[in-house]
N, C-alpha and C. Protein backbone atom coordinates (compact mmCIF):
# COMPACT_ATOMS: atom_id res chain seq x y z
N UNK A 1 111.74 31.85 61.47
CA UNK A 1 112.92 31.78 62.33
C UNK A 1 114.17 32.10 61.52
N UNK A 2 115.11 32.84 62.13
CA UNK A 2 116.34 33.23 61.45
C UNK A 2 117.33 32.08 61.43
N UNK A 3 118.13 32.02 60.37
CA UNK A 3 119.24 31.09 60.38
C UNK A 3 120.39 31.76 61.11
N UNK A 4 121.42 30.98 61.45
CA UNK A 4 122.56 31.56 62.14
C UNK A 4 123.23 32.64 61.30
N UNK A 5 123.29 32.43 59.97
CA UNK A 5 123.93 33.41 59.11
C UNK A 5 123.17 34.72 59.12
N UNK A 6 121.84 34.67 59.14
CA UNK A 6 121.05 35.88 59.13
C UNK A 6 121.20 36.65 60.44
N UNK A 7 121.47 35.95 61.52
CA UNK A 7 121.56 36.59 62.83
C UNK A 7 122.88 37.32 63.03
N UNK A 8 123.88 37.04 62.19
CA UNK A 8 125.19 37.62 62.38
C UNK A 8 125.33 38.93 61.61
N UNK A 9 125.91 39.96 62.26
CA UNK A 9 126.13 41.23 61.55
C UNK A 9 127.29 41.11 60.59
N UNK A 10 127.43 42.10 59.74
CA UNK A 10 128.55 42.16 58.81
C UNK A 10 129.86 42.24 59.59
N UNK A 11 130.90 41.63 59.06
CA UNK A 11 132.21 41.66 59.72
C UNK A 11 133.26 42.28 58.81
N UNK A 12 132.86 43.26 57.99
CA UNK A 12 133.79 43.87 57.05
C UNK A 12 134.82 44.76 57.72
N UNK A 13 134.57 45.24 58.89
CA UNK A 13 135.52 46.11 59.58
C UNK A 13 134.91 46.57 60.88
N UNK A 14 135.74 47.01 61.80
CA UNK A 14 135.22 47.39 63.11
C UNK A 14 134.37 48.64 63.04
N UNK A 15 134.53 49.42 62.02
CA UNK A 15 133.88 50.72 61.98
C UNK A 15 132.83 50.82 60.89
N UNK A 16 132.24 49.73 60.46
CA UNK A 16 131.19 49.76 59.46
C UNK A 16 131.64 49.20 58.14
N UNK A 17 130.70 49.08 57.22
CA UNK A 17 130.98 48.44 55.94
C UNK A 17 132.02 49.17 55.11
N UNK A 18 131.95 50.50 55.03
CA UNK A 18 132.87 51.23 54.16
C UNK A 18 134.18 51.57 54.85
N UNK A 19 134.26 51.42 56.13
CA UNK A 19 135.47 51.72 56.88
C UNK A 19 136.18 50.42 57.25
N UNK A 20 137.44 50.52 57.51
CA UNK A 20 138.23 49.35 57.92
C UNK A 20 138.87 49.63 59.27
N UNK A 21 139.06 48.57 60.04
CA UNK A 21 139.80 48.72 61.29
C UNK A 21 141.28 48.84 60.94
N UNK A 22 142.03 49.34 61.87
CA UNK A 22 143.46 49.49 61.63
C UNK A 22 144.20 49.02 62.87
N UNK A 23 144.19 47.70 63.04
CA UNK A 23 144.88 47.08 64.17
C UNK A 23 146.37 46.95 63.83
N UNK A 24 147.19 47.06 64.86
CA UNK A 24 148.60 46.76 64.66
C UNK A 24 148.72 45.26 64.40
N UNK A 25 149.83 44.85 63.83
CA UNK A 25 150.04 43.42 63.58
C UNK A 25 150.04 42.63 64.89
N UNK A 26 150.58 43.24 65.95
CA UNK A 26 150.61 42.58 67.25
C UNK A 26 149.19 42.37 67.77
N UNK A 27 148.35 43.40 67.68
CA UNK A 27 146.96 43.29 68.13
C UNK A 27 146.21 42.25 67.31
N UNK A 28 146.37 42.33 65.99
CA UNK A 28 145.69 41.39 65.10
C UNK A 28 146.12 39.95 65.41
N UNK A 29 147.40 39.75 65.62
CA UNK A 29 147.92 38.42 65.94
C UNK A 29 147.34 37.91 67.26
N UNK A 30 147.26 38.80 68.25
CA UNK A 30 146.70 38.45 69.56
C UNK A 30 145.23 38.05 69.42
N UNK A 31 144.46 38.85 68.67
CA UNK A 31 143.04 38.55 68.47
C UNK A 31 142.86 37.22 67.74
N UNK A 32 143.64 37.00 66.69
CA UNK A 32 143.52 35.76 65.92
C UNK A 32 143.89 34.56 66.78
N UNK A 33 144.92 34.70 67.59
CA UNK A 33 145.33 33.61 68.48
C UNK A 33 144.22 33.27 69.47
N UNK A 34 143.63 34.30 70.07
CA UNK A 34 142.52 34.08 71.01
C UNK A 34 141.34 33.41 70.32
N UNK A 35 141.02 33.89 69.12
CA UNK A 35 139.88 33.33 68.38
C UNK A 35 140.15 31.89 67.94
N UNK A 36 141.39 31.58 67.61
CA UNK A 36 141.73 30.19 67.26
C UNK A 36 141.52 29.27 68.46
N UNK A 37 141.90 29.74 69.65
CA UNK A 37 141.68 28.93 70.86
C UNK A 37 140.19 28.75 71.11
N UNK A 38 139.42 29.81 70.94
CA UNK A 38 137.97 29.74 71.14
C UNK A 38 137.36 28.78 70.14
N UNK A 39 137.80 28.86 68.90
CA UNK A 39 137.30 27.96 67.87
C UNK A 39 137.55 26.50 68.25
N UNK A 40 138.73 26.24 68.78
CA UNK A 40 139.04 24.89 69.24
C UNK A 40 138.16 24.45 70.40
N UNK A 41 137.89 25.37 71.30
CA UNK A 41 137.01 25.06 72.43
C UNK A 41 135.60 24.75 71.96
N UNK A 42 135.12 25.50 70.96
CA UNK A 42 133.77 25.24 70.44
C UNK A 42 133.72 23.87 69.78
N UNK A 43 134.75 23.54 69.02
CA UNK A 43 134.80 22.18 68.43
C UNK A 43 134.82 21.13 69.54
N UNK A 44 135.52 21.44 70.62
CA UNK A 44 135.56 20.52 71.76
C UNK A 44 134.19 20.33 72.39
N UNK A 45 133.41 21.40 72.48
CA UNK A 45 132.06 21.29 73.02
C UNK A 45 131.22 20.38 72.14
N UNK A 46 131.34 20.55 70.84
CA UNK A 46 130.60 19.69 69.91
C UNK A 46 130.97 18.22 70.14
N UNK A 47 132.26 17.97 70.29
CA UNK A 47 132.71 16.61 70.55
C UNK A 47 132.19 16.08 71.87
N UNK A 48 132.13 16.93 72.88
CA UNK A 48 131.61 16.51 74.18
C UNK A 48 130.14 16.11 74.07
N UNK A 49 129.37 16.89 73.30
CA UNK A 49 127.96 16.56 73.10
C UNK A 49 127.83 15.24 72.38
N UNK A 50 128.64 15.05 71.33
CA UNK A 50 128.60 13.80 70.57
C UNK A 50 128.95 12.59 71.44
N UNK A 51 129.81 12.80 72.44
CA UNK A 51 130.24 11.70 73.31
C UNK A 51 129.40 11.59 74.58
N UNK A 52 128.31 12.35 74.64
CA UNK A 52 127.41 12.32 75.80
C UNK A 52 128.12 12.63 77.12
N UNK A 53 129.03 13.59 77.07
CA UNK A 53 129.72 14.02 78.29
C UNK A 53 128.69 14.64 79.23
N UNK A 54 128.91 14.47 80.51
CA UNK A 54 128.03 14.97 81.56
C UNK A 54 127.75 16.46 81.34
N UNK A 55 126.46 16.82 81.41
CA UNK A 55 126.00 18.18 81.08
C UNK A 55 126.76 19.27 81.83
N UNK A 56 127.01 19.08 83.12
CA UNK A 56 127.68 20.11 83.91
C UNK A 56 129.08 20.38 83.38
N UNK A 57 129.76 19.35 82.93
CA UNK A 57 131.09 19.52 82.36
C UNK A 57 131.03 20.34 81.06
N UNK A 58 130.03 20.05 80.23
CA UNK A 58 129.85 20.81 78.99
C UNK A 58 129.53 22.26 79.30
N UNK A 59 128.66 22.47 80.26
CA UNK A 59 128.28 23.84 80.63
C UNK A 59 129.47 24.64 81.14
N UNK A 60 130.38 23.98 81.85
CA UNK A 60 131.57 24.68 82.33
C UNK A 60 132.47 25.11 81.18
N UNK A 61 132.57 24.29 80.15
CA UNK A 61 133.37 24.66 78.98
C UNK A 61 132.67 25.80 78.22
N UNK A 62 131.35 25.73 78.11
CA UNK A 62 130.60 26.81 77.47
C UNK A 62 130.84 28.13 78.21
N UNK A 63 130.84 28.08 79.52
CA UNK A 63 131.10 29.29 80.32
C UNK A 63 132.49 29.84 80.03
N UNK A 64 133.45 28.95 79.88
CA UNK A 64 134.81 29.36 79.57
C UNK A 64 134.89 30.04 78.20
N UNK A 65 134.18 29.47 77.22
CA UNK A 65 134.17 30.05 75.88
C UNK A 65 133.51 31.43 75.90
N UNK A 66 132.40 31.56 76.62
CA UNK A 66 131.73 32.85 76.72
C UNK A 66 132.65 33.89 77.34
N UNK A 67 133.38 33.50 78.36
CA UNK A 67 134.32 34.41 79.01
C UNK A 67 135.43 34.82 78.04
N UNK A 68 135.94 33.86 77.29
CA UNK A 68 136.99 34.16 76.32
C UNK A 68 136.48 35.10 75.23
N UNK A 69 135.26 34.88 74.74
CA UNK A 69 134.67 35.78 73.75
C UNK A 69 134.47 37.18 74.32
N UNK A 70 134.06 37.25 75.57
CA UNK A 70 133.92 38.56 76.23
C UNK A 70 135.26 39.28 76.27
N UNK A 71 136.33 38.54 76.51
CA UNK A 71 137.67 39.13 76.53
C UNK A 71 138.06 39.70 75.18
N UNK A 72 137.75 38.97 74.12
CA UNK A 72 138.01 39.46 72.77
C UNK A 72 137.17 40.71 72.51
N UNK A 73 135.91 40.67 72.93
CA UNK A 73 135.03 41.83 72.75
C UNK A 73 135.55 43.05 73.48
N UNK A 74 136.02 42.87 74.70
CA UNK A 74 136.56 43.99 75.48
C UNK A 74 137.80 44.57 74.80
N UNK A 75 138.64 43.70 74.30
CA UNK A 75 139.85 44.15 73.63
C UNK A 75 139.50 44.95 72.37
N UNK A 76 138.56 44.44 71.58
CA UNK A 76 138.13 45.15 70.38
C UNK A 76 137.45 46.47 70.72
N UNK A 77 136.62 46.47 71.75
CA UNK A 77 135.93 47.68 72.16
C UNK A 77 136.92 48.76 72.58
N UNK A 78 137.90 48.37 73.37
CA UNK A 78 138.93 49.33 73.80
C UNK A 78 139.66 49.92 72.60
N UNK A 79 140.07 49.05 71.68
CA UNK A 79 140.79 49.53 70.49
C UNK A 79 139.88 50.44 69.66
N UNK A 80 138.64 50.04 69.51
CA UNK A 80 137.68 50.83 68.73
C UNK A 80 137.51 52.22 69.33
N UNK A 81 137.38 52.29 70.65
CA UNK A 81 137.19 53.58 71.31
C UNK A 81 138.43 54.46 71.19
N UNK A 82 139.60 53.85 71.31
CA UNK A 82 140.85 54.63 71.28
C UNK A 82 141.26 55.04 69.87
N UNK A 83 140.71 54.38 68.86
CA UNK A 83 141.11 54.73 67.50
C UNK A 83 139.92 55.22 66.68
N UNK A 84 139.06 54.33 66.26
CA UNK A 84 137.95 54.68 65.36
C UNK A 84 137.07 55.80 65.94
N UNK A 85 136.65 55.63 67.19
CA UNK A 85 135.73 56.60 67.79
C UNK A 85 136.41 57.96 67.96
N UNK A 86 137.61 57.97 68.48
CA UNK A 86 138.34 59.23 68.67
C UNK A 86 138.54 59.93 67.33
N UNK A 87 138.95 59.18 66.31
CA UNK A 87 139.19 59.79 65.00
C UNK A 87 137.91 60.39 64.42
N UNK A 88 136.81 59.67 64.55
CA UNK A 88 135.55 60.18 63.99
C UNK A 88 135.07 61.43 64.73
N UNK A 89 135.25 61.44 66.05
CA UNK A 89 134.87 62.64 66.82
C UNK A 89 135.77 63.81 66.41
N UNK A 90 137.06 63.57 66.27
CA UNK A 90 137.98 64.63 65.84
C UNK A 90 137.62 65.15 64.45
N UNK A 91 137.03 64.28 63.62
CA UNK A 91 136.59 64.69 62.27
C UNK A 91 135.21 65.34 62.30
N UNK A 92 134.63 65.49 63.50
CA UNK A 92 133.33 66.15 63.64
C UNK A 92 132.14 65.22 63.50
N UNK A 93 132.39 63.92 63.42
CA UNK A 93 131.31 62.93 63.26
C UNK A 93 130.85 62.46 64.64
N UNK A 94 129.86 63.15 65.20
CA UNK A 94 129.39 62.79 66.54
C UNK A 94 128.36 61.66 66.52
N UNK A 95 127.93 61.23 65.33
CA UNK A 95 127.02 60.09 65.23
C UNK A 95 127.68 58.81 65.78
N UNK A 96 129.00 58.83 65.83
CA UNK A 96 129.73 57.67 66.33
C UNK A 96 129.36 57.37 67.78
N UNK A 97 128.95 58.38 68.53
CA UNK A 97 128.58 58.17 69.94
C UNK A 97 127.37 57.26 70.02
N UNK A 98 126.33 57.53 69.21
CA UNK A 98 125.15 56.68 69.22
C UNK A 98 125.49 55.27 68.74
N UNK A 99 126.34 55.18 67.72
CA UNK A 99 126.78 53.88 67.22
C UNK A 99 127.46 53.09 68.34
N UNK A 100 128.34 53.77 69.09
CA UNK A 100 129.06 53.14 70.19
C UNK A 100 128.11 52.69 71.29
N UNK A 101 127.15 53.54 71.64
CA UNK A 101 126.17 53.17 72.67
C UNK A 101 125.35 51.95 72.24
N UNK A 102 124.95 51.90 70.99
CA UNK A 102 124.21 50.74 70.47
C UNK A 102 125.05 49.48 70.57
N UNK A 103 126.31 49.59 70.17
CA UNK A 103 127.22 48.44 70.23
C UNK A 103 127.41 47.98 71.67
N UNK A 104 127.61 48.92 72.58
CA UNK A 104 127.83 48.56 73.99
C UNK A 104 126.58 47.89 74.57
N UNK A 105 125.41 48.37 74.20
CA UNK A 105 124.17 47.73 74.68
C UNK A 105 124.09 46.29 74.18
N UNK A 106 124.49 46.04 72.95
CA UNK A 106 124.50 44.68 72.42
C UNK A 106 125.48 43.79 73.18
N UNK A 107 126.65 44.35 73.50
CA UNK A 107 127.67 43.58 74.22
C UNK A 107 127.25 43.24 75.64
N UNK A 108 126.41 44.08 76.24
CA UNK A 108 126.05 43.90 77.65
C UNK A 108 124.78 43.08 77.85
N UNK A 109 124.24 42.50 76.80
CA UNK A 109 123.02 41.68 76.94
C UNK A 109 123.29 40.45 77.74
């Protein structure tokens, strides 16, 4: 069985290990703010479990966190397509299309 660390992909940059994302400071700040809220919600779920909060209430918070993560994913995907993907296609690197399709399939599970 995999540990949680083994199940997570590398997070060195949006465009692979050797490439870096290039978010504006405003975008980066927005993403970090959203992720901080999500992090707090996840800690809240842990606390709810520890306090034996009614399952339906916990499940509703989990649904909220999943929705918030989906929002972050959509924002990153849009930025990735408008910057990284466009730039790589303009540079003649059409392999980015398969990479993007693979990523989108993972997001839509």
